Amino acid sequence: GAFSGFTSLICLQPFDLLKTRLQQGDGASNHRQGFLVLLVRALGIAGIARNVIARDGVLALWQGTLPTLLRNVPGVALYMSTLHEARSAMAKTAYFAKSSPSALSLSVLPTLTVQGNLLAGAVTRTVVGTILNPLAVLKARYESDLYAYRSLWQAFCALARGGPSHLFRGATASAMRDAPYAGLFLVSYEQLKREGAAFAQPLSYSSTALVNGFAGAGAGTAATFATHPFDVLKTKLQVRNEDRYHTLRSTIRTIWMNRGIMGFFDGISLRLSRKVLSSAIGWATYEAILVFIHNQPRLVPSIT
């Protein structure tokens, strides 16, 4: 889990930085001109990238990588391991166990019903996300240009001085994003994996990894579209300090008044690109490592 998280976040950190910079904005727009707004936002992404590179160089696109590592590597490891244990326990129950797992896939993950996957993904992701929310706030503020932290320690101390209200800013919006995302992702992932195995009939670990990668990309696409408005709310709550962004309700009202429905989809293309790629890389890597570990006893000769 940690290795798959590390692999994907190093490659995809620029997407996160640009998404945060785009979502942190407070400007109003004419939400009736939907297509024009989309075009302007697309050009805005390119403009943000150019400004970052012109001011601080290409490596500035990886600003916030350290807090991202601190949050995502243990976060992905904790989520993957906890999810695996939860699914393994649920697979032993009559209600959640899937009666006829597919024999076409080389996956060693526990197989559950749709209800089991929804529950396991939603609960695990919410618990892990809440525990690591202070690091998520730190990550968002490091990626934003609204703060001028000189070091990670200074940023953490400033956040800690604010108390629990600052450490857990956006936790509700994060839970509203993460619970349905994880549940929808797992259900879609398992379904796409079964259909991919039935279509391609993978007989090797490399072909299985390819099927798992496509399944992860497809599941990430569906879950991202469904939960993106909560990601916008989370970012606003974590990086803006104005009174109008102080609560979830006031943040929703402010975005609606300023931007209309389009305001809830700021950065959708960036998050979609990142989630599709990270899901494909992360889950294909994770399942490949599980298969490797699962097969280790067969590779070690017995001692007589």
C-alpha atoms as a PDB file:
ATOM      1  CA  GLY A   1       0.000   0.000   0.000  1.00  0.00           C
ATOM      2  CA  ALA A   2       2.745   2.448   0.929  1.00  0.00           C
ATOM      3  CA  PHE A   3       4.761   1.619  -2.199  1.00  0.00           C
ATOM      4  CA  SER A   4       1.758   2.044  -4.520  1.00  0.00           C
ATOM      5  CA  GLY A   5       0.901   5.359  -2.844  1.00  0.00           C
ATOM      6  CA  PHE A   6       4.501   6.628  -3.129  1.00  0.00           C
ATOM      7  CA  THR A   7       4.701   5.660  -6.816  1.00  0.00           C
ATOM      8  CA  SER A   8       1.529   7.455  -7.847  1.00  0.00           C
ATOM      9  CA  LEU A   9       1.911  10.629  -5.788  1.00  0.00           C
ATOM     10  CA  ILE A  10       5.446  11.430  -6.974  1.00  0.00           C
ATOM     11  CA  CYS A  11       4.290  11.233 -10.590  1.00  0.00           C
ATOM     12  CA  LEU A  12       1.038  13.114 -10.077  1.00  0.00           C
ATOM     13  CA  GLN A  13       1.821  15.828  -7.490  1.00  0.00           C
ATOM     14  CA  PRO A  14       1.661  18.673 -10.096  1.00  0.00           C
ATOM     15  CA  PHE A  15      -2.005  17.810 -10.725  1.00  0.00           C
ATOM     16  CA  ASP A  16      -2.759  18.270  -7.028  1.00  0.00           C
ATOM     17  CA  LEU A  17      -0.921  21.589  -6.804  1.00  0.00           C
ATOM     18  CA  LEU A  18      -2.706  23.049  -9.842  1.00  0.00           C
ATOM     19  CA  LYS A  19      -6.071  21.775  -8.579  1.00  0.00           C
ATOM     20  CA  THR A  20      -5.567  23.451  -5.199  1.00  0.00           C
ATOM     21  CA  ARG A  21      -4.516  26.740  -6.819  1.00  0.00           C
ATOM     22  CA  LEU A  22      -7.600  26.662  -9.055  1.00  0.00           C
ATOM     23  CA  GLN A  23     -10.046  25.731  -6.282  1.00  0.00           C
ATOM     24  CA  GLN A  24      -8.742  28.295  -3.800  1.00  0.00           C
ATOM     25  CA  GLY A  25     -10.036  31.192  -5.886  1.00  0.00           C
ATOM     26  CA  ASP A  26     -12.809  33.475  -4.691  1.00  0.00           C
ATOM     27  CA  GLY A  27     -13.818  35.191  -7.936  1.00  0.00           C
ATOM     28  CA  ALA A  28     -17.344  35.411  -9.321  1.00  0.00           C
ATOM     29  CA  SER A  29     -18.366  34.404 -12.828  1.00  0.00           C
ATOM     30  CA  ASN A  30     -21.446  34.321 -15.011  1.00  0.00           C
ATOM     31  CA  HIS A  31     -22.642  30.785 -14.381  1.00  0.00           C
ATOM     32  CA  ARG A  32     -25.146  30.961 -17.222  1.00  0.00           C
ATOM     33  CA  GLN A  33     -22.388  30.773 -19.829  1.00  0.00           C
ATOM     34  CA  GLY A  34     -21.458  27.179 -19.053  1.00  0.00           C
ATOM     35  CA  PHE A  35     -19.280  26.330 -22.068  1.00  0.00           C
ATOM     36  CA  LEU A  36     -17.479  29.676 -21.956  1.00  0.00           C
ATOM     37  CA  VAL A  37     -16.767  29.172 -18.259  1.00  0.00           C
ATOM     38  CA  LEU A  38     -15.299  25.729 -18.957  1.00  0.00           C
ATOM     39  CA  LEU A  39     -13.057  27.228 -21.651  1.00  0.00           C
ATOM     40  CA  VAL A  40     -11.935  30.025 -19.341  1.00  0.00           C
ATOM     41  CA  ARG A  41     -11.179  27.545 -16.540  1.00  0.00           C
ATOM     42  CA  ALA A  42      -9.157  25.353 -18.928  1.00  0.00           C
ATOM     43  CA  LEU A  43      -7.124  28.367 -19.985  1.00  0.00           C
ATOM     44  CA  GLY A  44      -6.825  29.282 -16.313  1.00  0.00           C
ATOM     45  CA  ILE A  45      -5.149  25.959 -15.547  1.00  0.00           C
ATOM     46  CA  ALA A  46      -2.541  26.612 -18.248  1.00  0.00           C
ATOM     47  CA  GLY A  47      -2.048  30.140 -16.932  1.00  0.00           C
ATOM     48  CA  ILE A  48      -1.518  28.927 -13.368  1.00  0.00           C
ATOM     49  CA  ALA A  49       1.045  26.391 -14.580  1.00  0.00           C
ATOM     50  CA  ARG A  50       2.894  29.040 -16.609  1.00  0.00           C
ATOM     51  CA  ASN A  51       2.944  31.454 -13.672  1.00  0.00           C
ATOM     52  CA  VAL A  52       4.297  28.813 -11.284  1.00  0.00           C
ATOM     53  CA  ILE A  53       7.046  27.790 -13.705  1.00  0.00           C
ATOM     54  CA  ALA A  54       7.954  31.387 -14.639  1.00  0.00           C
ATOM     55  CA  ARG A  55       8.205  32.474 -11.004  1.00  0.00           C
ATOM     56  CA  ASP A  56       9.847  29.471  -9.352  1.00  0.00           C
ATOM     57  CA  GLY A  57      10.873  27.010 -12.079  1.00  0.00           C
ATOM     58  CA  VAL A  58       9.529  23.631 -13.161  1.00  0.00           C
ATOM     59  CA  LEU A  59      10.301  21.970  -9.830  1.00  0.00           C
ATOM     60  CA  ALA A  60       7.835  24.350  -8.170  1.00  0.00           C
ATOM     61  CA  LEU A  61       5.068  22.178  -9.606  1.00  0.00           C
ATOM     62  CA  TRP A  62       6.119  19.628  -6.979  1.00  0.00           C
ATOM     63  CA  GLN A  63       5.670  22.135  -4.134  1.00  0.00           C
ATOM     64  CA  GLY A  64       3.917  20.393  -1.290  1.00  0.00           C
ATOM     65  CA  THR A  65       5.386  16.987  -2.100  1.00  0.00           C
ATOM     66  CA  LEU A  66       6.762  16.509   1.424  1.00  0.00           C
ATOM     67  CA  PRO A  67       3.440  17.085   3.241  1.00  0.00           C
ATOM     68  CA  THR A  68       1.783  15.013   0.515  1.00  0.00           C
ATOM     69  CA  LEU A  69       4.197  12.189   1.291  1.00  0.00           C
ATOM     70  CA  LEU A  70       3.551  12.555   5.020  1.00  0.00           C
ATOM     71  CA  ARG A  71      -0.185  12.340   4.431  1.00  0.00           C
ATOM     72  CA  ASN A  72      -0.601   9.983   1.481  1.00  0.00           C
ATOM     73  CA  VAL A  73       2.056   7.303   1.940  1.00  0.00           C
ATOM     74  CA  PRO A  74       0.982   6.281   5.464  1.00  0.00           C
ATOM     75  CA  GLY A  75      -2.590   7.126   4.486  1.00  0.00           C
ATOM     76  CA  VAL A  76      -2.639   4.783   1.494  1.00  0.00           C
ATOM     77  CA  ALA A  77      -0.803   2.091   3.478  1.00  0.00           C
ATOM     78  CA  LEU A  78      -3.245   2.403   6.386  1.00  0.00           C
ATOM     79  CA  TYR A  79      -6.248   2.471   4.059  1.00  0.00           C
ATOM     80  CA  MET A  80      -5.139  -0.491   1.936  1.00  0.00           C
ATOM     81  CA  SER A  81      -4.132  -2.669   4.898  1.00  0.00           C
ATOM     82  CA  THR A  82      -7.235  -1.793   6.941  1.00  0.00           C
ATOM     83  CA  LEU A  83      -9.466  -2.302   3.918  1.00  0.00           C
ATOM     84  CA  HIS A  84      -7.885  -5.691   3.226  1.00  0.00           C
ATOM     85  CA  GLU A  85      -8.407  -6.806   6.818  1.00  0.00           C
ATOM     86  CA  ALA A  86     -11.987  -5.524   6.845  1.00  0.00           C
ATOM     87  CA  ARG A  87     -12.811  -7.253   3.580  1.00  0.00           C
ATOM     88  CA  SER A  88     -11.162 -10.465   4.745  1.00  0.00           C
ATOM     89  CA  ALA A  89     -13.263 -10.439   7.921  1.00  0.00           C
ATOM     90  CA  MET A  90     -16.446  -9.593   6.018  1.00  0.00           C
ATOM     91  CA  ALA A  91     -15.748 -12.343   3.460  1.00  0.00           C
ATOM     92  CA  LYS A  92     -16.135 -14.879   6.275  1.00  0.00           C
ATOM     93  CA  THR A  93     -19.716 -13.781   6.970  1.00  0.00           C
ATOM     94  CA  ALA A  94     -22.675 -15.236   5.122  1.00  0.00           C
ATOM     95  CA  TYR A  95     -24.242 -11.844   4.358  1.00  0.00           C
ATOM     96  CA  PHE A  96     -21.241 -10.110   2.767  1.00  0.00           C
ATOM     97  CA  ALA A  97     -19.370 -13.065   1.232  1.00  0.00           C
ATOM     98  CA  LYS A  98     -19.709 -13.455  -2.532  1.00  0.00           C
ATOM     99  CA  SER A  99     -20.966 -16.939  -3.257  1.00  0.00           C
ATOM    100  CA  SER A 100     -19.172 -17.500  -6.563  1.00  0.00           C
ATOM    101  CA  PRO A 101     -15.903 -15.566  -7.016  1.00  0.00           C
ATOM    102  CA  SER A 102     -14.550 -15.472 -10.547  1.00  0.00           C
ATOM    103  CA  ALA A 103     -12.011 -18.132 -11.438  1.00  0.00           C
ATOM    104  CA  LEU A 104     -10.684 -16.154 -14.410  1.00  0.00           C
ATOM    105  CA  SER A 105      -8.699 -13.582 -12.451  1.00  0.00           C
ATOM    106  CA  LEU A 106      -5.393 -14.156 -10.684  1.00  0.00           C
ATOM    107  CA  SER A 107      -6.345 -11.596  -8.014  1.00  0.00           C
ATOM    108  CA  VAL A 108      -5.988 -12.682  -4.380  1.00  0.00           C
ATOM    109  CA  LEU A 109      -8.240  -9.954  -2.934  1.00  0.00           C
ATOM    110  CA  PRO A 110     -11.258 -11.085  -0.864  1.00  0.00           C
ATOM    111  CA  THR A 111     -14.511 -11.073  -2.839  1.00  0.00           C
ATOM    112  CA  LEU A 112     -17.607  -9.427  -1.356  1.00  0.00           C
ATOM    113  CA  THR A 113     -21.127  -8.539  -2.408  1.00  0.00           C
ATOM    114  CA  VAL A 114     -21.931  -5.046  -3.679  1.00  0.00           C
ATOM    115  CA  GLN A 115     -23.188  -4.096  -0.208  1.00  0.00           C
ATOM    116  CA  GLY A 116     -20.011  -5.433   1.376  1.00  0.00           C
ATOM    117  CA  ASN A 117     -17.741  -3.449  -0.941  1.00  0.00           C
ATOM    118  CA  LEU A 118     -19.768  -0.265  -0.402  1.00  0.00           C
ATOM    119  CA  LEU A 119     -19.645  -0.590   3.374  1.00  0.00           C
ATOM    120  CA  ALA A 120     -15.997  -1.653   3.606  1.00  0.00           C
ATOM    121  CA  GLY A 121     -14.775   1.119   1.328  1.00  0.00           C
ATOM    122  CA  ALA A 122     -16.892   3.895   2.833  1.00  0.00           C
ATOM    123  CA  VAL A 123     -16.199   3.141   6.499  1.00  0.00           C
ATOM    124  CA  THR A 124     -12.479   2.476   6.071  1.00  0.00           C
ATOM    125  CA  ARG A 125     -11.854   5.567   3.962  1.00  0.00           C
ATOM    126  CA  THR A 126     -13.816   7.828   6.322  1.00  0.00           C
ATOM    127  CA  VAL A 127     -12.006   6.612   9.447  1.00  0.00           C
ATOM    128  CA  VAL A 128      -8.550   6.882   7.876  1.00  0.00           C
ATOM    129  CA  GLY A 129      -9.363  10.285   6.350  1.00  0.00           C
ATOM    130  CA  THR A 130     -10.539  11.703   9.671  1.00  0.00           C
ATOM    131  CA  ILE A 131      -7.420  10.487  11.491  1.00  0.00           C
ATOM    132  CA  LEU A 132      -5.150  12.080   8.889  1.00  0.00           C
ATOM    133  CA  ASN A 133      -7.165  15.277   8.355  1.00  0.00           C
ATOM    134  CA  PRO A 134      -4.538  17.547  10.028  1.00  0.00           C
ATOM    135  CA  LEU A 135      -2.012  16.399   7.432  1.00  0.00           C
ATOM    136  CA  ALA A 136      -4.573  16.984   4.685  1.00  0.00           C
ATOM    137  CA  VAL A 137      -4.989  20.600   5.856  1.00  0.00           C
ATOM    138  CA  LEU A 138      -1.204  20.995   5.950  1.00  0.00           C
ATOM    139  CA  LYS A 139      -0.932  19.573   2.434  1.00  0.00           C
ATOM    140  CA  ALA A 140      -3.620  21.886   1.018  1.00  0.00           C
ATOM    141  CA  ARG A 141      -2.082  24.998   2.575  1.00  0.00           C
ATOM    142  CA  TYR A 142       1.402  24.071   1.384  1.00  0.00           C
ATOM    143  CA  GLU A 143       0.098  23.685  -2.179  1.00  0.00           C
ATOM    144  CA  SER A 144      -1.801  26.972  -1.962  1.00  0.00           C
ATOM    145  CA  ASP A 145      -0.071  30.299  -2.565  1.00  0.00           C
ATOM    146  CA  LEU A 146      -2.207  31.990   0.111  1.00  0.00           C
ATOM    147  CA  TYR A 147       0.328  30.984   2.755  1.00  0.00           C
ATOM    148  CA  ALA A 148       4.066  31.718   2.933  1.00  0.00           C
ATOM    149  CA  TYR A 149       5.462  28.975   5.143  1.00  0.00           C
ATOM    150  CA  ARG A 150       9.246  28.880   5.408  1.00  0.00           C
ATOM    151  CA  SER A 151       9.370  25.300   6.665  1.00  0.00           C
ATOM    152  CA  LEU A 152       7.175  22.314   7.319  1.00  0.00           C
ATOM    153  CA  TRP A 153       7.681  22.698  11.065  1.00  0.00           C
ATOM    154  CA  GLN A 154       6.544  26.333  10.976  1.00  0.00           C
ATOM    155  CA  ALA A 155       3.444  25.301   9.040  1.00  0.00           C
ATOM    156  CA  PHE A 156       2.618  22.541  11.495  1.00  0.00           C
ATOM    157  CA  CYS A 157       3.113  24.813  14.521  1.00  0.00           C
ATOM    158  CA  ALA A 158       0.881  27.502  13.012  1.00  0.00           C
ATOM    159  CA  LEU A 159      -1.796  24.900  12.357  1.00  0.00           C
ATOM    160  CA  ALA A 160      -1.485  23.346  15.820  1.00  0.00           C
ATOM    161  CA  ARG A 161      -1.825  26.751  17.514  1.00  0.00           C
ATOM    162  CA  GLY A 162      -5.274  27.039  15.975  1.00  0.00           C
ATOM    163  CA  GLY A 163      -6.404  23.971  17.895  1.00  0.00           C
ATOM    164  CA  PRO A 164      -8.822  21.246  16.803  1.00  0.00           C
ATOM    165  CA  SER A 165     -10.960  23.679  14.805  1.00  0.00           C
ATOM    166  CA  HIS A 166      -7.988  24.264  12.472  1.00  0.00           C
ATOM    167  CA  LEU A 167      -6.566  20.754  12.561  1.00  0.00           C
ATOM    168  CA  PHE A 168      -9.904  19.298  11.487  1.00  0.00           C
ATOM    169  CA  ARG A 169     -11.032  22.010   9.071  1.00  0.00           C
ATOM    170  CA  GLY A 170     -12.921  20.431   6.205  1.00  0.00           C
ATOM    171  CA  ALA A 171     -13.197  17.028   7.911  1.00  0.00           C
ATOM    172  CA  THR A 172     -16.953  16.834   7.293  1.00  0.00           C
ATOM    173  CA  ALA A 173     -16.593  17.745   3.620  1.00  0.00           C
ATOM    174  CA  SER A 174     -13.754  15.220   3.337  1.00  0.00           C
ATOM    175  CA  ALA A 175     -15.949  12.490   4.827  1.00  0.00           C
ATOM    176  CA  MET A 176     -18.782  13.425   2.453  1.00  0.00           C
ATOM    177  CA  ARG A 177     -16.315  13.061  -0.405  1.00  0.00           C
ATOM    178  CA  ASP A 178     -14.365  10.013   0.770  1.00  0.00           C
ATOM    179  CA  ALA A 179     -17.182   7.725   1.941  1.00  0.00           C
ATOM    180  CA  PRO A 180     -19.125   7.639  -1.346  1.00  0.00           C
ATOM    181  CA  TYR A 181     -15.893   7.767  -3.370  1.00  0.00           C
ATOM    182  CA  ALA A 182     -14.419   4.692  -1.716  1.00  0.00           C
ATOM    183  CA  GLY A 183     -17.686   2.763  -1.803  1.00  0.00           C
ATOM    184  CA  LEU A 184     -18.413   3.579  -5.440  1.00  0.00           C
ATOM    185  CA  PHE A 185     -14.796   2.933  -6.403  1.00  0.00           C
ATOM    186  CA  LEU A 186     -14.677  -0.543  -4.875  1.00  0.00           C
ATOM    187  CA  VAL A 187     -17.995  -1.606  -6.394  1.00  0.00           C
ATOM    188  CA  SER A 188     -17.006  -0.287  -9.838  1.00  0.00           C
ATOM    189  CA  TYR A 189     -13.477  -1.673  -9.568  1.00  0.00           C
ATOM    190  CA  GLU A 190     -14.585  -5.205  -8.739  1.00  0.00           C
ATOM    191  CA  GLN A 191     -17.243  -5.168 -11.460  1.00  0.00           C
ATOM    192  CA  LEU A 192     -14.868  -3.836 -14.116  1.00  0.00           C
ATOM    193  CA  LYS A 193     -12.188  -6.294 -13.005  1.00  0.00           C
ATOM    194  CA  ARG A 194     -14.588  -9.235 -13.403  1.00  0.00           C
ATOM    195  CA  GLU A 195     -15.743  -8.024 -16.814  1.00  0.00           C
ATOM    196  CA  GLY A 196     -12.160  -7.396 -17.900  1.00  0.00           C
ATOM    197  CA  ALA A 197     -11.095 -10.877 -16.753  1.00  0.00           C
ATOM    198  CA  ALA A 198     -14.027 -12.445 -18.601  1.00  0.00           C
ATOM    199  CA  PHE A 199     -13.184 -10.520 -21.778  1.00  0.00           C
ATOM    200  CA  ALA A 200      -9.388 -10.770 -21.773  1.00  0.00           C
ATOM    201  CA  GLN A 201      -9.064 -14.021 -19.772  1.00  0.00           C
ATOM    202  CA  PRO A 202      -5.666 -13.042 -18.316  1.00  0.00           C
ATOM    203  CA  LEU A 203      -3.367 -16.009 -17.861  1.00  0.00           C
ATOM    204  CA  SER A 204      -0.255 -14.177 -16.693  1.00  0.00           C
ATOM    205  CA  TYR A 205       0.523 -11.667 -13.968  1.00  0.00           C
ATOM    206  CA  SER A 206       1.353  -8.964 -16.509  1.00  0.00           C
ATOM    207  CA  SER A 207      -2.003  -9.310 -18.271  1.00  0.00           C
ATOM    208  CA  THR A 208      -3.772  -9.375 -14.897  1.00  0.00           C
ATOM    209  CA  ALA A 209      -1.979  -6.143 -13.925  1.00  0.00           C
ATOM    210  CA  LEU A 210      -3.182  -4.575 -17.186  1.00  0.00           C
ATOM    211  CA  VAL A 211      -6.784  -5.593 -16.479  1.00  0.00           C
ATOM    212  CA  ASN A 212      -6.492  -4.276 -12.907  1.00  0.00           C
ATOM    213  CA  GLY A 213      -5.032  -1.002 -14.184  1.00  0.00           C
ATOM    214  CA  PHE A 214      -7.910  -0.434 -16.607  1.00  0.00           C
ATOM    215  CA  ALA A 215     -10.422  -1.378 -13.903  1.00  0.00           C
ATOM    216  CA  GLY A 216      -8.820   1.116 -11.504  1.00  0.00           C
ATOM    217  CA  ALA A 217      -8.890   3.875 -14.126  1.00  0.00           C
ATOM    218  CA  GLY A 218     -12.546   3.266 -14.955  1.00  0.00           C
ATOM    219  CA  ALA A 219     -13.605   3.084 -11.321  1.00  0.00           C
ATOM    220  CA  GLY A 220     -11.642   6.226 -10.507  1.00  0.00           C
ATOM    221  CA  THR A 221     -13.397   8.114 -13.304  1.00  0.00           C
ATOM    222  CA  ALA A 222     -16.901   7.239 -12.095  1.00  0.00           C
ATOM    223  CA  ALA A 223     -16.203   7.904  -8.408  1.00  0.00           C
ATOM    224  CA  THR A 224     -14.421  11.209  -9.109  1.00  0.00           C
ATOM    225  CA  PHE A 225     -17.287  12.678 -11.112  1.00  0.00           C
ATOM    226  CA  ALA A 226     -19.784  11.735  -8.408  1.00  0.00           C
ATOM    227  CA  THR A 227     -17.854  13.252  -5.496  1.00  0.00           C
ATOM    228  CA  HIS A 228     -16.017  16.276  -6.925  1.00  0.00           C
ATOM    229  CA  PRO A 229     -18.259  19.006  -5.431  1.00  0.00           C
ATOM    230  CA  PHE A 230     -17.232  17.859  -1.948  1.00  0.00           C
ATOM    231  CA  ASP A 231     -13.566  18.110  -2.951  1.00  0.00           C
ATOM    232  CA  VAL A 232     -14.100  21.768  -3.872  1.00  0.00           C
ATOM    233  CA  LEU A 233     -15.809  22.377  -0.517  1.00  0.00           C
ATOM    234  CA  LYS A 234     -12.960  20.680   1.337  1.00  0.00           C
ATOM    235  CA  THR A 235     -10.302  22.830  -0.343  1.00  0.00           C
ATOM    236  CA  LYS A 236     -12.172  26.090   0.275  1.00  0.00           C
ATOM    237  CA  LEU A 237     -12.672  25.237   3.952  1.00  0.00           C
ATOM    238  CA  GLN A 238      -9.024  24.270   4.449  1.00  0.00           C
ATOM    239  CA  VAL A 239      -7.288  27.194   2.749  1.00  0.00           C
ATOM    240  CA  ARG A 240      -9.641  30.184   3.083  1.00  0.00           C
ATOM    241  CA  ASN A 241     -10.041  32.057   6.385  1.00  0.00           C
ATOM    242  CA  GLU A 242     -12.857  34.479   5.541  1.00  0.00           C
ATOM    243  CA  ASP A 243     -16.084  34.206   7.539  1.00  0.00           C
ATOM    244  CA  ARG A 244     -18.024  33.202   4.433  1.00  0.00           C
ATOM    245  CA  TYR A 245     -15.929  30.026   4.291  1.00  0.00           C
ATOM    246  CA  HIS A 246     -16.114  29.278   8.002  1.00  0.00           C
ATOM    247  CA  THR A 247     -18.778  26.543   7.882  1.00  0.00           C
ATOM    248  CA  LEU A 248     -19.884  23.956   5.343  1.00  0.00           C
ATOM    249  CA  ARG A 249     -23.240  25.681   4.860  1.00  0.00           C
ATOM    250  CA  SER A 250     -21.775  29.152   4.362  1.00  0.00           C
ATOM    251  CA  THR A 251     -19.184  27.761   1.941  1.00  0.00           C
ATOM    252  CA  ILE A 252     -21.885  26.112  -0.168  1.00  0.00           C
ATOM    253  CA  ARG A 253     -23.862  29.361  -0.192  1.00  0.00           C
ATOM    254  CA  THR A 254     -20.811  31.441  -1.143  1.00  0.00           C
ATOM    255  CA  ILE A 255     -19.826  29.197  -4.031  1.00  0.00           C
ATOM    256  CA  TRP A 256     -23.398  29.114  -5.322  1.00  0.00           C
ATOM    257  CA  MET A 257     -23.790  32.891  -5.136  1.00  0.00           C
ATOM    258  CA  ASN A 258     -20.408  33.588  -6.758  1.00  0.00           C
ATOM    259  CA  ARG A 259     -20.111  30.860  -9.342  1.00  0.00           C
ATOM    260  CA  GLY A 260     -23.329  28.887  -9.588  1.00  0.00           C
ATOM    261  CA  ILE A 261     -23.273  25.161 -10.245  1.00  0.00           C
ATOM    262  CA  MET A 262     -20.003  25.386 -12.200  1.00  0.00           C
ATOM    263  CA  GLY A 263     -18.220  26.534  -9.066  1.00  0.00           C
ATOM    264  CA  PHE A 264     -18.644  23.080  -7.572  1.00  0.00           C
ATOM    265  CA  PHE A 265     -16.678  21.545 -10.438  1.00  0.00           C
ATOM    266  CA  ASP A 266     -13.548  23.697 -10.354  1.00  0.00           C
ATOM    267  CA  GLY A 267     -10.516  21.532 -11.052  1.00  0.00           C
ATOM    268  CA  ILE A 268     -12.552  18.528 -12.182  1.00  0.00           C
ATOM    269  CA  SER A 269     -10.254  17.836 -15.138  1.00  0.00           C
ATOM    270  CA  LEU A 270      -7.154  17.948 -12.925  1.00  0.00           C
ATOM    271  CA  ARG A 271      -8.632  15.733 -10.227  1.00  0.00           C
ATOM    272  CA  LEU A 272      -9.997  13.371 -12.862  1.00  0.00           C
ATOM    273  CA  SER A 273      -6.596  13.096 -14.543  1.00  0.00           C
ATOM    274  CA  ARG A 274      -4.884  12.491 -11.227  1.00  0.00           C
ATOM    275  CA  LYS A 275      -7.425  10.005  -9.885  1.00  0.00           C
ATOM    276  CA  VAL A 276      -7.598   7.982 -13.086  1.00  0.00           C
ATOM    277  CA  LEU A 277      -3.820   7.659 -13.253  1.00  0.00           C
ATOM    278  CA  SER A 278      -3.279   7.124  -9.515  1.00  0.00           C
ATOM    279  CA  SER A 279      -6.037   4.512  -9.348  1.00  0.00           C
ATOM    280  CA  ALA A 280      -4.601   2.636 -12.315  1.00  0.00           C
ATOM    281  CA  ILE A 281      -1.019   2.788 -10.993  1.00  0.00           C
ATOM    282  CA  GLY A 282      -1.875   2.292  -7.326  1.00  0.00           C
ATOM    283  CA  TRP A 283      -4.284  -0.632  -7.559  1.00  0.00           C
ATOM    284  CA  ALA A 284      -2.343  -2.492 -10.266  1.00  0.00           C
ATOM    285  CA  THR A 285       0.818  -2.139  -8.142  1.00  0.00           C
ATOM    286  CA  TYR A 286      -1.001  -3.098  -4.937  1.00  0.00           C
ATOM    287  CA  GLU A 287      -2.549  -6.235  -6.385  1.00  0.00           C
ATOM    288  CA  ALA A 288       0.738  -7.245  -8.035  1.00  0.00           C
ATOM    289  CA  ILE A 289       2.535  -6.968  -4.676  1.00  0.00           C
ATOM    290  CA  LEU A 290      -0.203  -8.982  -2.955  1.00  0.00           C
ATOM    291  CA  VAL A 291       0.098 -11.727  -5.558  1.00  0.00           C
ATOM    292  CA  PHE A 292       3.879 -11.742  -5.168  1.00  0.00           C
ATOM    293  CA  ILE A 293       3.633 -12.020  -1.378  1.00  0.00           C
ATOM    294  CA  HIS A 294       0.912 -14.655  -1.670  1.00  0.00           C
ATOM    295  CA  ASN A 295       3.147 -16.815  -3.871  1.00  0.00           C
ATOM    296  CA  GLN A 296       6.315 -16.482  -1.769  1.00  0.00           C
ATOM    297  CA  PRO A 297       5.945 -19.801   0.126  1.00  0.00           C
ATOM    298  CA  ARG A 298       5.918 -21.655  -3.201  1.00  0.00           C
ATOM    299  CA  LEU A 299       9.166 -20.034  -4.248  1.00  0.00           C
ATOM    300  CA  VAL A 300      11.058 -21.127  -1.145  1.00  0.00           C
ATOM    301  CA  PRO A 301      12.312 -24.737  -1.293  1.00  0.00           C
ATOM    302  CA  SER A 302      11.332 -26.872   1.661  1.00  0.00           C
ATOM    303  CA  ILE A 303      14.045 -27.922   4.064  1.00  0.00           C
ATOM    304  CA  THR A 304      14.123 -31.609   4.954  1.00  0.00           C
END
